[in-house]
C-alpha atoms as a PDB file:
ATOM      1  CA  MET A   1      61.442  53.307  -7.630  1.00  0.00           C
ATOM      2  CA  ALA A   2      63.759  50.312  -8.071  1.00  0.00           C
ATOM      3  CA  THR A   3      63.699  48.207 -11.246  1.00  0.00           C
ATOM      4  CA  THR A   4      65.134  44.825 -12.227  1.00  0.00           C
ATOM      5  CA  GLU A   5      64.820  42.768 -15.411  1.00  0.00           C
ATOM      6  CA  SER A   6      65.391  39.224 -16.635  1.00  0.00           C
ATOM      7  CA  ALA A   7      68.123  38.280 -19.048  1.00  0.00           C
ATOM      8  CA  ALA A   8      65.492  37.554 -21.685  1.00  0.00           C
ATOM      9  CA  GLY A   9      64.213  41.113 -21.439  1.00  0.00           C
ATOM     10  CA  SER A  10      60.568  40.035 -21.278  1.00  0.00           C
ATOM     11  CA  THR A  11      60.044  40.395 -17.526  1.00  0.00           C
ATOM     12  CA  THR A  12      60.516  43.351 -15.206  1.00  0.00           C
ATOM     13  CA  THR A  13      60.106  43.970 -11.480  1.00  0.00           C
ATOM     14  CA  THR A  14      59.631  47.425  -9.969  1.00  0.00           C
ATOM     15  CA  THR A  15      59.306  48.380  -6.297  1.00  0.00           C
ATOM     16  CA  ARG A  16      58.269  51.547  -4.508  1.00  0.00           C
ATOM     17  CA  LEU A  17      57.629  52.599  -0.925  1.00  0.00           C
ATOM     18  CA  MET A  18      54.111  53.962  -0.392  1.00  0.00           C
ATOM     19  CA  LEU A  19      54.132  57.464   1.138  1.00  0.00           C
ATOM     20  CA  PRO A  20      51.377  59.685   2.620  1.00  0.00           C
ATOM     21  CA  ASP A  21      50.939  61.490  -0.715  1.00  0.00           C
ATOM     22  CA  ASP A  22      49.914  58.142  -2.254  1.00  0.00           C
ATOM     23  CA  ALA A  23      46.973  57.516   0.071  1.00  0.00           C
ATOM     24  CA  ASN A  24      43.511  58.752   0.944  1.00  0.00           C
ATOM     25  CA  PRO A  25      42.611  60.039   4.449  1.00  0.00           C
ATOM     26  CA  ALA A  26      41.851  56.477   5.560  1.00  0.00           C
ATOM     27  CA  GLY A  27      45.427  55.423   4.786  1.00  0.00           C
ATOM     28  CA  ASN A  28      44.573  53.274   1.756  1.00  0.00           C
ATOM     29  CA  VAL A  29      46.778  53.861  -1.284  1.00  0.00           C
ATOM     30  CA  HIS A  30      44.748  55.393  -4.135  1.00  0.00           C
ATOM     31  CA  GLY A  31      43.674  52.985  -6.842  1.00  0.00           C
ATOM     32  CA  GLY A  32      45.020  55.471  -9.383  1.00  0.00           C
ATOM     33  CA  THR A  33      48.477  55.326  -7.798  1.00  0.00           C
ATOM     34  CA  ILE A  34      48.464  51.536  -8.082  1.00  0.00           C
ATOM     35  CA  LEU A  35      47.263  51.751 -11.693  1.00  0.00           C
ATOM     36  CA  GLN A  36      50.113  54.108 -12.500  1.00  0.00           C
ATOM     37  CA  LEU A  37      52.638  51.721 -10.928  1.00  0.00           C
ATOM     38  CA  ILE A  38      51.131  48.818 -12.882  1.00  0.00           C
ATOM     39  CA  GLU A  39      51.366  50.697 -16.167  1.00  0.00           C
ATOM     40  CA  GLN A  40      54.935  51.866 -15.505  1.00  0.00           C
ATOM     41  CA  ALA A  41      56.028  48.266 -14.985  1.00  0.00           C
ATOM     42  CA  GLY A  42      54.065  47.161 -18.047  1.00  0.00           C
ATOM     43  CA  TYR A  43      55.603  49.905 -20.182  1.00  0.00           C
ATOM     44  CA  ILE A  44      59.142  49.001 -19.120  1.00  0.00           C
ATOM     45  CA  ALA A  45      58.571  45.298 -19.843  1.00  0.00           C
ATOM     46  CA  ALA A  46      57.031  46.040 -23.257  1.00  0.00           C
ATOM     47  CA  GLN A  47      59.701  48.542 -24.253  1.00  0.00           C
ATOM     48  CA  ARG A  48      62.567  46.276 -23.177  1.00  0.00           C
ATOM     49  CA  HIS A  49      61.025  43.339 -25.025  1.00  0.00           C
ATOM     50  CA  CYS A  50      60.883  45.335 -28.264  1.00  0.00           C
ATOM     51  CA  ARG A  51      64.630  46.005 -27.975  1.00  0.00           C
ATOM     52  CA  VAL A  52      65.569  42.322 -27.595  1.00  0.00           C
ATOM     53  CA  ASP A  53      66.884  42.007 -31.167  1.00  0.00           C
ATOM     54  CA  VAL A  54      68.100  45.606 -31.549  1.00  0.00           C
ATOM     55  CA  PRO A  55      71.853  46.364 -31.153  1.00  0.00           C
ATOM     56  CA  SER A  56      72.616  48.515 -28.114  1.00  0.00           C
ATOM     57  CA  ASP A  57      74.099  51.302 -30.271  1.00  0.00           C
ATOM     58  CA  VAL A  58      70.919  51.653 -32.386  1.00  0.00           C
ATOM     59  CA  ASP A  59      68.137  54.054 -31.374  1.00  0.00           C
ATOM     60  CA  LEU A  60      64.822  52.242 -31.798  1.00  0.00           C
ATOM     61  CA  HIS A  61      62.791  55.414 -32.547  1.00  0.00           C
ATOM     62  CA  LYS A  62      59.691  53.479 -31.505  1.00  0.00           C
ATOM     63  CA  VAL A  63      57.688  53.452 -28.303  1.00  0.00           C
ATOM     64  CA  CYS A  64      55.097  51.127 -26.787  1.00  0.00           C
ATOM     65  CA  ALA A  65      51.758  52.798 -26.109  1.00  0.00           C
ATOM     66  CA  LEU A  66      49.006  51.381 -23.892  1.00  0.00           C
ATOM     67  CA  VAL A  67      45.776  50.760 -25.813  1.00  0.00           C
ATOM     68  CA  SER A  68      43.594  48.784 -23.408  1.00  0.00           C
ATOM     69  CA  VAL A  69      43.306  47.118 -20.018  1.00  0.00           C
ATOM     70  CA  ALA A  70      41.686  43.718 -20.492  1.00  0.00           C
ATOM     71  CA  GLU A  71      41.584  42.870 -16.791  1.00  0.00           C
ATOM     72  CA  CYS A  72      42.436  44.613 -13.548  1.00  0.00           C
ATOM     73  CA  THR A  73      41.468  43.435 -10.085  1.00  0.00           C
ATOM     74  CA  PHE A  74      41.997  44.987  -6.656  1.00  0.00           C
ATOM     75  CA  GLU A  75      42.120  42.090  -4.188  1.00  0.00           C
ATOM     76  CA  ARG A  76      43.502  43.706  -1.018  1.00  0.00           C
ATOM     77  CA  PRO A  77      44.476  47.256  -0.026  1.00  0.00           C
ATOM     78  CA  ILE A  78      47.977  48.693   0.194  1.00  0.00           C
ATOM     79  CA  HIS A  79      48.730  51.131   3.010  1.00  0.00           C
ATOM     80  CA  ILE A  80      51.164  53.912   3.807  1.00  0.00           C
ATOM     81  CA  GLY A  81      54.556  52.419   4.712  1.00  0.00           C
ATOM     82  CA  ASP A  82      54.050  49.276   2.617  1.00  0.00           C
ATOM     83  CA  VAL A  83      56.291  48.394  -0.324  1.00  0.00           C
ATOM     84  CA  ALA A  84      54.500  47.719  -3.612  1.00  0.00           C
ATOM     85  CA  ARG A  85      56.235  45.287  -5.957  1.00  0.00           C
ATOM     86  CA  CYS A  86      55.057  44.983  -9.560  1.00  0.00           C
ATOM     87  CA  ASP A  87      56.105  41.871 -11.504  1.00  0.00           C
ATOM     88  CA  ALA A  88      55.503  42.499 -15.227  1.00  0.00           C
ATOM     89  CA  GLU A  89      55.882  39.900 -17.968  1.00  0.00           C
ATOM     90  CA  VAL A  90      55.273  40.049 -21.705  1.00  0.00           C
ATOM     91  CA  SER A  91      52.885  37.100 -21.826  1.00  0.00           C
ATOM     92  CA  TYR A  92      51.962  37.132 -25.533  1.00  0.00           C
ATOM     93  CA  THR A  93      52.787  38.946 -28.766  1.00  0.00           C
ATOM     94  CA  GLU A  94      50.878  39.163 -32.034  1.00  0.00           C
ATOM     95  CA  SER A  95      51.814  41.350 -35.012  1.00  0.00           C
ATOM     96  CA  ALA A  96      52.240  44.876 -33.554  1.00  0.00           C
ATOM     97  CA  SER A  97      50.557  44.049 -30.213  1.00  0.00           C
ATOM     98  CA  LEU A  98      51.967  42.927 -26.872  1.00  0.00           C
ATOM     99  CA  GLU A  99      50.101  41.586 -23.865  1.00  0.00           C
ATOM    100  CA  VAL A 100      51.777  42.327 -20.533  1.00  0.00           C
ATOM    101  CA  THR A 101      50.610  40.611 -17.355  1.00  0.00           C
ATOM    102  CA  VAL A 102      51.342  42.539 -14.172  1.00  0.00           C
ATOM    103  CA  THR A 103      50.984  41.140 -10.651  1.00  0.00           C
ATOM    104  CA  VAL A 104      51.291  43.439  -7.642  1.00  0.00           C
ATOM    105  CA  TYR A 105      52.476  42.295  -4.225  1.00  0.00           C
ATOM    106  CA  CYS A 106      52.419  44.257  -0.990  1.00  0.00           C
ATOM    107  CA  GLU A 107      55.180  43.877   1.582  1.00  0.00           C
ATOM    108  CA  ASP A 108      54.460  44.960   5.141  1.00  0.00           C
ATOM    109  CA  LEU A 109      57.926  45.953   6.368  1.00  0.00           C
ATOM    110  CA  ARG A 110      56.860  45.960  10.010  1.00  0.00           C
ATOM    111  CA  ALA A 111      55.340  42.489   9.995  1.00  0.00           C
ATOM    112  CA  GLY A 112      57.724  41.048   7.407  1.00  0.00           C
ATOM    113  CA  LYS A 113      54.828  39.578   5.395  1.00  0.00           C
ATOM    114  CA  SER A 114      53.853  39.825   1.736  1.00  0.00           C
ATOM    115  CA  HIS A 115      50.655  39.100  -0.183  1.00  0.00           C
ATOM    116  CA  ARG A 116      49.192  39.638  -3.645  1.00  0.00           C
ATOM    117  CA  THR A 117      47.013  42.713  -4.066  1.00  0.00           C
ATOM    118  CA  ASN A 118      46.397  43.228  -7.793  1.00  0.00           C
ATOM    119  CA  ARG A 119      46.543  41.528 -11.157  1.00  0.00           C
ATOM    120  CA  ALA A 120      46.189  43.162 -14.561  1.00  0.00           C
ATOM    121  CA  ARG A 121      46.522  42.353 -18.253  1.00  0.00           C
ATOM    122  CA  LEU A 122      47.555  45.293 -20.429  1.00  0.00           C
ATOM    123  CA  TRP A 123      47.719  45.500 -24.220  1.00  0.00           C
ATOM    124  CA  TYR A 124      50.323  47.694 -25.911  1.00  0.00           C
ATOM    125  CA  VAL A 125      51.111  48.545 -29.514  1.00  0.00           C
ATOM    126  CA  GLN A 126      54.411  49.814 -30.873  1.00  0.00           C
ATOM    127  CA  VAL A 127      54.129  53.242 -32.493  1.00  0.00           C
ATOM    128  CA  ALA A 128      56.499  55.640 -34.230  1.00  0.00           C
ATOM    129  CA  PRO A 129      56.376  59.123 -35.805  1.00  0.00           C
ATOM    130  CA  PRO A 130      55.230  58.990 -39.467  1.00  0.00           C
ATOM    131  CA  GLU A 131      57.947  59.336 -42.120  1.00  0.00           C
ATOM    132  CA  ASP A 132      55.704  60.215 -45.101  1.00  0.00           C
ATOM    133  CA  GLY A 133      54.626  63.704 -44.102  1.00  0.00           C
ATOM    134  CA  SER A 134      51.353  62.438 -42.639  1.00  0.00           C
ATOM    135  CA  LYS A 135      49.506  64.719 -40.222  1.00  0.00           C
ATOM    136  CA  ALA A 136      49.118  61.821 -37.781  1.00  0.00           C
ATOM    137  CA  LEU A 137      51.109  62.210 -34.572  1.00  0.00           C
ATOM    138  CA  PHE A 138      52.101  58.537 -34.510  1.00  0.00           C
ATOM    139  CA  ILE A 139      51.453  55.412 -36.558  1.00  0.00           C
ATOM    140  CA  THR A 140      51.500  51.732 -35.625  1.00  0.00           C
ATOM    141  CA  ALA A 141      54.979  50.291 -36.136  1.00  0.00           C
ATOM    142  CA  GLY A 142      55.218  46.521 -36.119  1.00  0.00           C
ATOM    143  CA  PRO A 143      55.798  43.682 -35.988  1.00  0.00           C
ATOM    144  CA  VAL A 144      57.097  43.247 -32.452  1.00  0.00           C
ATOM    145  CA  PRO A 145      59.530  40.459 -31.465  1.00  0.00           C
ATOM    146  CA  THR A 146      57.949  37.104 -30.674  1.00  0.00           C
ATOM    147  CA  ARG A 147      57.775  36.205 -26.990  1.00  0.00           C
ATOM    148  CA  PRO A 148      60.414  33.470 -26.531  1.00  0.00           C
ATOM    149  CA  GLY A 149      59.923  30.365 -24.439  1.00  0.00           C
ATOM    150  CA  LEU A 150      56.121  30.115 -24.581  1.00  0.00           C
ATOM    151  CA  SER A 151      54.753  26.581 -24.415  1.00  0.00           C
ATOM    152  CA  PRO A 152      52.207  25.541 -27.068  1.00  0.00           C
ATOM    153  CA  GLU A 153      49.498  25.712 -24.414  1.00  0.00           C
ATOM    154  CA  ALA A 154      50.506  29.222 -23.312  1.00  0.00           C
ATOM    155  CA  GLY A 155      50.707  30.352 -26.936  1.00  0.00           C
ATOM    156  CA  ALA A 156      47.233  29.002 -27.682  1.00  0.00           C
ATOM    157  CA  ALA A 157      45.809  30.662 -24.571  1.00  0.00           C
ATOM    158  CA  GLY A 158      47.436  33.970 -25.537  1.00  0.00           C
ATOM    159  CA  ALA A 159      46.070  33.731 -29.082  1.00  0.00           C
ATOM    160  CA  ALA A 160      42.597  33.147 -27.658  1.00  0.00           C
ATOM    161  CA  ARG A 161      42.914  36.237 -25.431  1.00  0.00           C
ATOM    162  CA  TYR A 162      44.137  38.280 -28.400  1.00  0.00           C
ATOM    163  CA  SER A 163      41.153  37.157 -30.489  1.00  0.00           C
ATOM    164  CA  THR A 164      38.773  37.974 -27.646  1.00  0.00           C
ATOM    165  CA  GLU A 165      40.362  41.388 -27.168  1.00  0.00           C
ATOM    166  CA  ARG A 166      39.970  42.254 -30.841  1.00  0.00           C
ATOM    167  CA  LYS A 167      36.337  41.152 -30.857  1.00  0.00           C
ATOM    168  CA  GLN A 168      35.482  42.852 -27.573  1.00  0.00           C
ATOM    169  CA  PRO A 169      32.806  45.530 -28.096  1.00  0.00           C
ATOM    170  CA  ARG A 170      34.294  48.808 -27.020  1.00  0.00           C
ATOM    171  CA  GLN A 171      32.471  50.995 -24.551  1.00  0.00           C
ATOM    172  CA  LEU A 172      34.004  54.017 -26.281  1.00  0.00           C
ATOM    173  CA  LYS A 173      32.237  53.042 -29.513  1.00  0.00           C
ATOM    174  CA  ALA A 174      29.004  52.676 -27.571  1.00  0.00           C
ATOM    175  CA  VAL A 175      29.486  56.185 -26.216  1.00  0.00           C
ATOM    176  CA  ALA A 176      29.769  57.527 -29.736  1.00  0.00           C
ATOM    177  CA  ASP A 177      26.830  55.455 -31.002  1.00  0.00           C
ATOM    178  CA  ASP A 178      24.303  56.595 -28.394  1.00  0.00           C
ATOM    179  CA  GLY A 179      25.411  60.212 -28.482  1.00  0.00           C
ATOM    180  CA  SER A 180      26.298  60.192 -24.815  1.00  0.00           C
ATOM    181  CA  ALA A 181      29.693  61.763 -25.422  1.00  0.00           C
ATOM    182  CA  ASP A 182      27.801  65.061 -25.351  1.00  0.00           C
ATOM    183  CA  ASP A 183      25.262  63.973 -22.727  1.00  0.00           C
ATOM    184  CA  TRP A 184      27.178  65.218 -19.678  1.00  0.00           C
ATOM    185  CA  THR A 185      25.643  67.513 -17.077  1.00  0.00           C
ATOM    186  CA  ALA A 186      26.871  69.860 -14.365  1.00  0.00           C
ATOM    187  CA  ASP A 187      26.335  67.038 -11.845  1.00  0.00           C
ATOM    188  CA  ASP A 188      29.000  64.919 -13.527  1.00  0.00           C
ATOM    189  CA  ARG A 189      32.538  65.259 -12.183  1.00  0.00           C
ATOM    190  CA  ARG A 190      35.397  66.723 -14.225  1.00  0.00           C
ATOM    191  CA  LEU A 191      39.150  67.008 -13.827  1.00  0.00           C
ATOM    192  CA  ALA A 192      41.489  68.894 -16.165  1.00  0.00           C
ATOM    193  CA  GLN A 193      45.274  68.890 -16.246  1.00  0.00           C
ATOM    194  CA  LEU A 194      48.038  70.177 -18.496  1.00  0.00           C
ATOM    195  CA  MET A 195      50.353  67.356 -19.601  1.00  0.00           C
ATOM    196  CA  LEU A 196      53.968  68.070 -18.616  1.00  0.00           C
ATOM    197  CA  PRO A 197      57.236  66.286 -19.482  1.00  0.00           C
ATOM    198  CA  SER A 198      57.024  64.343 -16.195  1.00  0.00           C
ATOM    199  CA  ASP A 199      53.752  62.798 -17.439  1.00  0.00           C
ATOM    200  CA  ALA A 200      55.238  61.378 -20.642  1.00  0.00           C
ATOM    201  CA  SER A 201      57.909  59.217 -22.228  1.00  0.00           C
ATOM    202  CA  LEU A 202      61.049  60.682 -23.792  1.00  0.00           C
ATOM    203  CA  GLU A 203      59.163  60.704 -27.097  1.00  0.00           C
ATOM    204  CA  GLY A 204      56.571  63.037 -25.590  1.00  0.00           C
ATOM    205  CA  ILE A 205      53.720  60.500 -25.527  1.00  0.00           C
ATOM    206  CA  VAL A 206      51.717  60.748 -22.303  1.00  0.00           C
ATOM    207  CA  PHE A 207      51.973  57.509 -20.329  1.00  0.00           C
ATOM    208  CA  GLY A 208      48.844  55.388 -20.159  1.00  0.00           C
ATOM    209  CA  GLY A 209      49.362  55.263 -16.400  1.00  0.00           C
ATOM    210  CA  THR A 210      49.041  59.054 -16.195  1.00  0.00           C
ATOM    211  CA  LEU A 211      45.627  58.881 -17.876  1.00  0.00           C
ATOM    212  CA  MET A 212      44.597  55.875 -15.789  1.00  0.00           C
ATOM    213  CA  LYS A 213      45.423  57.710 -12.563  1.00  0.00           C
ATOM    214  CA  MET A 214      43.421  60.763 -13.667  1.00  0.00           C
ATOM    215  CA  MET A 215      40.496  58.552 -14.687  1.00  0.00           C
ATOM    216  CA  ASP A 216      40.503  56.732 -11.346  1.00  0.00           C
ATOM    217  CA  SER A 217      40.663  60.061  -9.477  1.00  0.00           C
ATOM    218  CA  ALA A 218      37.674  61.473 -11.360  1.00  0.00           C
ATOM    219  CA  ALA A 219      35.732  58.233 -10.907  1.00  0.00           C
ATOM    220  CA  GLY A 220      36.601  58.203  -7.207  1.00  0.00           C
ATOM    221  CA  ILE A 221      35.335  61.764  -6.763  1.00  0.00           C
ATOM    222  CA  ALA A 222      32.042  60.833  -8.448  1.00  0.00           C
ATOM    223  CA  ALA A 223      31.731  57.754  -6.229  1.00  0.00           C
ATOM    224  CA  TYR A 224      32.553  59.693  -3.051  1.00  0.00           C
ATOM    225  CA  MET A 225      30.097  62.476  -3.821  1.00  0.00           C
ATOM    226  CA  HIS A 226      27.401  59.853  -4.257  1.00  0.00           C
ATOM    227  CA  CYS A 227      28.219  57.768  -1.164  1.00  0.00           C
ATOM    228  CA  ARG A 228      29.699  60.482   1.094  1.00  0.00           C
ATOM    229  CA  ASN A 229      31.885  57.778   2.574  1.00  0.00           C
ATOM    230  CA  ASN A 230      35.269  56.122   2.158  1.00  0.00           C
ATOM    231  CA  ILE A 231      35.329  54.437  -1.271  1.00  0.00           C
ATOM    232  CA  VAL A 232      37.891  52.115  -2.866  1.00  0.00           C
ATOM    233  CA  THR A 233      38.428  50.856  -6.403  1.00  0.00           C
ATOM    234  CA  VAL A 234      37.735  47.119  -6.726  1.00  0.00           C
ATOM    235  CA  SER A 235      38.037  46.506 -10.470  1.00  0.00           C
ATOM    236  CA  ILE A 236      38.117  47.993 -13.949  1.00  0.00           C
ATOM    237  CA  ALA A 237      35.497  46.477 -16.217  1.00  0.00           C
ATOM    238  CA  GLU A 238      36.978  48.105 -19.306  1.00  0.00           C
ATOM    239  CA  LEU A 239      39.548  50.731 -20.205  1.00  0.00           C
ATOM    240  CA  ASN A 240      40.530  51.813 -23.707  1.00  0.00           C
ATOM    241  CA  LEU A 241      43.002  54.396 -24.938  1.00  0.00           C
ATOM    242  CA  VAL A 242      42.297  55.027 -28.600  1.00  0.00           C
ATOM    243  CA  SER A 243      44.585  57.917 -29.493  1.00  0.00           C
ATOM    244  CA  PRO A 244      48.005  59.011 -28.189  1.00  0.00           C
ATOM    245  CA  THR A 245      48.231  62.415 -26.568  1.00  0.00           C
ATOM    246  CA  THR A 246      51.367  64.458 -26.079  1.00  0.00           C
ATOM    247  CA  VAL A 247      53.096  66.908 -23.755  1.00  0.00           C
ATOM    248  CA  GLY A 248      51.393  70.319 -23.884  1.00  0.00           C
ATOM    249  CA  SER A 249      47.908  68.863 -24.309  1.00  0.00           C
ATOM    250  CA  ILE A 250      45.124  69.571 -21.837  1.00  0.00           C
ATOM    251  CA  ILE A 251      43.379  66.404 -20.681  1.00  0.00           C
ATOM    252  CA  THR A 252      39.814  66.686 -19.377  1.00  0.00           C
ATOM    253  CA  ILE A 253      38.325  63.681 -17.592  1.00  0.00           C
ATOM    254  CA  SER A 254      34.562  63.387 -17.042  1.00  0.00           C
ATOM    255  CA  ALA A 255      33.000  60.809 -14.713  1.00  0.00           C
ATOM    256  CA  ARG A 256      29.409  59.796 -13.963  1.00  0.00           C
ATOM    257  CA  ILE A 257      27.705  56.972 -12.089  1.00  0.00           C
ATOM    258  CA  THR A 258      25.892  54.585 -14.411  1.00  0.00           C
ATOM    259  CA  PHE A 259      24.790  51.751 -12.102  1.00  0.00           C
ATOM    260  CA  THR A 260      24.536  50.860  -8.422  1.00  0.00           C
ATOM    261  CA  SER A 261      23.895  47.588  -6.637  1.00  0.00           C
ATOM    262  CA  SER A 262      23.458  47.248  -2.892  1.00  0.00           C
ATOM    263  CA  ARG A 263      27.223  46.933  -2.355  1.00  0.00           C
ATOM    264  CA  SER A 264      28.967  48.429  -5.405  1.00  0.00           C
ATOM    265  CA  LEU A 265      28.696  51.137  -8.024  1.00  0.00           C
ATOM    266  CA  GLU A 266      29.907  51.540 -11.590  1.00  0.00           C
ATOM    267  CA  VAL A 267      31.381  54.795 -12.881  1.00  0.00           C
ATOM    268  CA  GLN A 268      31.766  55.638 -16.566  1.00  0.00           C
ATOM    269  CA  VAL A 269      34.789  57.774 -17.410  1.00  0.00           C
ATOM    270  CA  LEU A 270      35.555  59.661 -20.603  1.00  0.00           C
ATOM    271  CA  GLY A 271      38.844  61.386 -21.441  1.00  0.00           C
ATOM    272  CA  ARG A 272      39.256  64.207 -23.951  1.00  0.00           C
ATOM    273  CA  THR A 273      42.379  65.997 -25.100  1.00  0.00           C
ATOM    274  CA  THR A 274      42.728  69.527 -26.431  1.00  0.00           C
ATOM    275  CA  ASP A 275      45.881  70.264 -28.426  1.00  0.00           C
ATOM    276  CA  ALA A 276      47.043  71.903 -31.630  1.00  0.00           C
ATOM    277  CA  THR A 277      44.923  69.513 -33.714  1.00  0.00           C
ATOM    278  CA  GLY A 278      41.692  70.335 -31.850  1.00  0.00           C
ATOM    279  CA  GLU A 279      39.643  68.341 -29.349  1.00  0.00           C
ATOM    280  CA  ARG A 280      39.061  64.599 -29.490  1.00  0.00           C
ATOM    281  CA  ILE A 281      38.107  61.675 -27.264  1.00  0.00           C
ATOM    282  CA  VAL A 282      41.199  59.705 -26.242  1.00  0.00           C
ATOM    283  CA  ALA A 283      40.050  57.287 -23.537  1.00  0.00           C
ATOM    284  CA  SER A 284      37.059  55.641 -21.907  1.00  0.00           C
ATOM    285  CA  GLY A 285      36.603  53.279 -19.013  1.00  0.00           C
ATOM    286  CA  LEU A 286      34.259  51.630 -16.528  1.00  0.00           C
ATOM    287  CA  PHE A 287      35.437  51.594 -12.889  1.00  0.00           C
ATOM    288  CA  ASN A 288      33.821  49.668 -10.034  1.00  0.00           C
ATOM    289  CA  PHE A 289      33.913  50.852  -6.418  1.00  0.00           C
ATOM    290  CA  VAL A 290      32.701  49.754  -3.003  1.00  0.00           C
ATOM    291  CA  SER A 291      32.025  51.964  -0.011  1.00  0.00           C
ATOM    292  CA  LEU A 292      33.611  51.081   3.331  1.00  0.00           C
ATOM    293  CA  ASP A 293      32.522  51.937   6.859  1.00  0.00           C
ATOM    294  CA  LYS A 294      34.895  52.935   9.669  1.00  0.00           C
ATOM    295  CA  THR A 295      35.763  49.289  10.341  1.00  0.00           C
ATOM    296  CA  GLY A 296      36.685  48.696   6.694  1.00  0.00           C
ATOM    297  CA  ARG A 297      33.617  46.597   5.891  1.00  0.00           C
ATOM    298  CA  PRO A 298      31.490  47.161   2.751  1.00  0.00           C
ATOM    299  CA  CYS A 299      28.371  49.188   3.429  1.00  0.00           C
ATOM    300  CA  GLU A 300      25.119  49.982   1.629  1.00  0.00           C
ATOM    301  CA  ILE A 301      25.318  52.019  -1.590  1.00  0.00           C
ATOM    302  CA  PRO A 302      22.595  54.643  -2.145  1.00  0.00           C
ATOM    303  CA  PRO A 303      20.643  53.830  -5.319  1.00  0.00           C
ATOM    304  CA  ILE A 304      20.561  56.084  -8.373  1.00  0.00           C
ATOM    305  CA  SER A 305      17.362  57.231 -10.085  1.00  0.00           C
ATOM    306  CA  PRO A 306      17.866  57.414 -13.867  1.00  0.00           C
ATOM    307  CA  ASP A 307      15.580  60.130 -15.214  1.00  0.00           C
ATOM    308  CA  THR A 308      16.242  60.113 -18.962  1.00  0.00           C
ATOM    309  CA  PRO A 309      16.058  57.335 -21.587  1.00  0.00           C
ATOM    310  CA  ALA A 310      19.832  57.471 -22.051  1.00  0.00           C
ATOM    311  CA  ARG A 311      20.485  57.099 -18.304  1.00  0.00           C
ATOM    312  CA  VAL A 312      17.967  54.263 -18.047  1.00  0.00           C
ATOM    313  CA  ALA A 313      19.735  52.487 -20.908  1.00  0.00           C
ATOM    314  CA  ARG A 314      23.146  52.973 -19.283  1.00  0.00           C
ATOM    315  CA  ALA A 315      21.838  51.647 -15.960  1.00  0.00           C
ATOM    316  CA  ALA A 316      20.389  48.571 -17.703  1.00  0.00           C
ATOM    317  CA  ALA A 317      23.702  47.921 -19.449  1.00  0.00           C
ATOM    318  CA  GLY A 318      25.497  48.316 -16.121  1.00  0.00           C
ATOM    319  CA  ALA A 319      23.131  45.808 -14.499  1.00  0.00           C
ATOM    320  CA  GLN A 320      23.943  43.303 -17.231  1.00  0.00           C
ATOM    321  CA  ARG A 321      27.689  43.781 -16.710  1.00  0.00           C
ATOM    322  CA  TYR A 322      27.234  43.417 -12.950  1.00  0.00           C
ATOM    323  CA  ALA A 323      25.282  40.141 -13.381  1.00  0.00           C
ATOM    324  CA  ALA A 324      27.852  38.788 -15.859  1.00  0.00           C
ATOM    325  CA  ALA A 325      30.761  39.614 -13.546  1.00  0.00           C
ATOM    326  CA  LYS A 326      28.978  38.043 -10.586  1.00  0.00           C
ATOM    327  CA  GLU A 327      28.356  34.850 -12.564  1.00  0.00           C
ATOM    328  CA  ALA A 328      31.982  34.766 -13.748  1.00  0.00           C
ATOM    329  CA  ARG A 329      33.163  34.986 -10.126  1.00  0.00           C
ATOM    330  CA  ARG A 330      30.795  32.160  -9.166  1.00  0.00           C
ATOM    331  CA  VAL A 331      32.044  29.927 -11.990  1.00  0.00           C
ATOM    332  CA  ALA A 332      35.673  30.685 -11.096  1.00  0.00           C
ATOM    333  CA  ALA A 333      35.045  29.855  -7.437  1.00  0.00           C
ATOM    334  CA  VAL A 334      33.411  26.547  -8.366  1.00  0.00           C
ATOM    335  CA  ALA A 335      36.278  25.666 -10.698  1.00  0.00           C
ATOM    336  CA  LYS A 336      38.848  26.513  -8.020  1.00  0.00           C
ATOM    337  CA  ALA A 337      37.065  24.362  -5.437  1.00  0.00           C
ATOM    338  CA  LYS A 338      36.608  21.402  -7.803  1.00  0.00           C
ATOM    339  CA  PRO A 339      39.035  18.548  -6.958  1.00  0.00           C
ATOM    340  CA  VAL A 340      41.506  17.578  -9.659  1.00  0.00           C
ATOM    341  CA  THR A 341      41.016  14.026 -10.960  1.00  0.00           C
ATOM    342  CA  GLU A 342      43.281  11.909 -13.147  1.00  0.00           C
END
């Protein structure tokens, strides 16, 4: 994977050729692979930004950890043989938090054409090992350097996104509140994997992209087993990483379908880690998929039949999210089509 950076240290570009191991049998690159590339670029941009004011001979002893994905869209597929380019930019900073915007472009080497395929907004915090004998693995270590060169308008927009992100109700909290963290059945899909040095930073913290890829894989298995057809990730409604996990931990990802419409389905994903401190929930997310026929066109999604009060409640919440997302797309389309007037 090739990497470049700006002189300011707040932007980064990475590129990688997509190989057969990156794709499903239909030739589409896995959503989890793209998520991992997005997070790698975001991590590099965040980490470089935090070193802007640090002399080159000083070890920072701090690392940026992904805490949430505020937005992630899958606009067009990437295929085997294409080159994926991730442009990452630190778009806003506040206290110990950094927002990184990542845009993915696909280059078809045979046709010599490029187009945008994905866009994501990631939030990181800077963490460091505790120095007071605390049992915590890592603690928040701020503040982070201010993003230089932001216009007043861009700064105000970033502050509004930061405020929204902090106020956003977390699906992970909802999981804990309704007791559904323990409400998983044998029909739900699970993946488990031992975290190795290749999955983590030099500080031993597992990359957010590693967890995101595992979460997408588990969600994709649940979606495929329901549709029995080619499925692709189209968006992430929410993704939160609430606790760092380290090399040597065992990550278990559980996935279940919570809602279906005629053309899409929502999958809830929960990540747990087992390490020397015990077992705890470390991540949660909501992934949206569509099913494609042999010509690549969306096809009908089989409905689900919730049979418990908890499943009925989750399906109702999923229907509300689906309606809200549909309305947001409609409003955005109207705004885009509206002519600009003086």
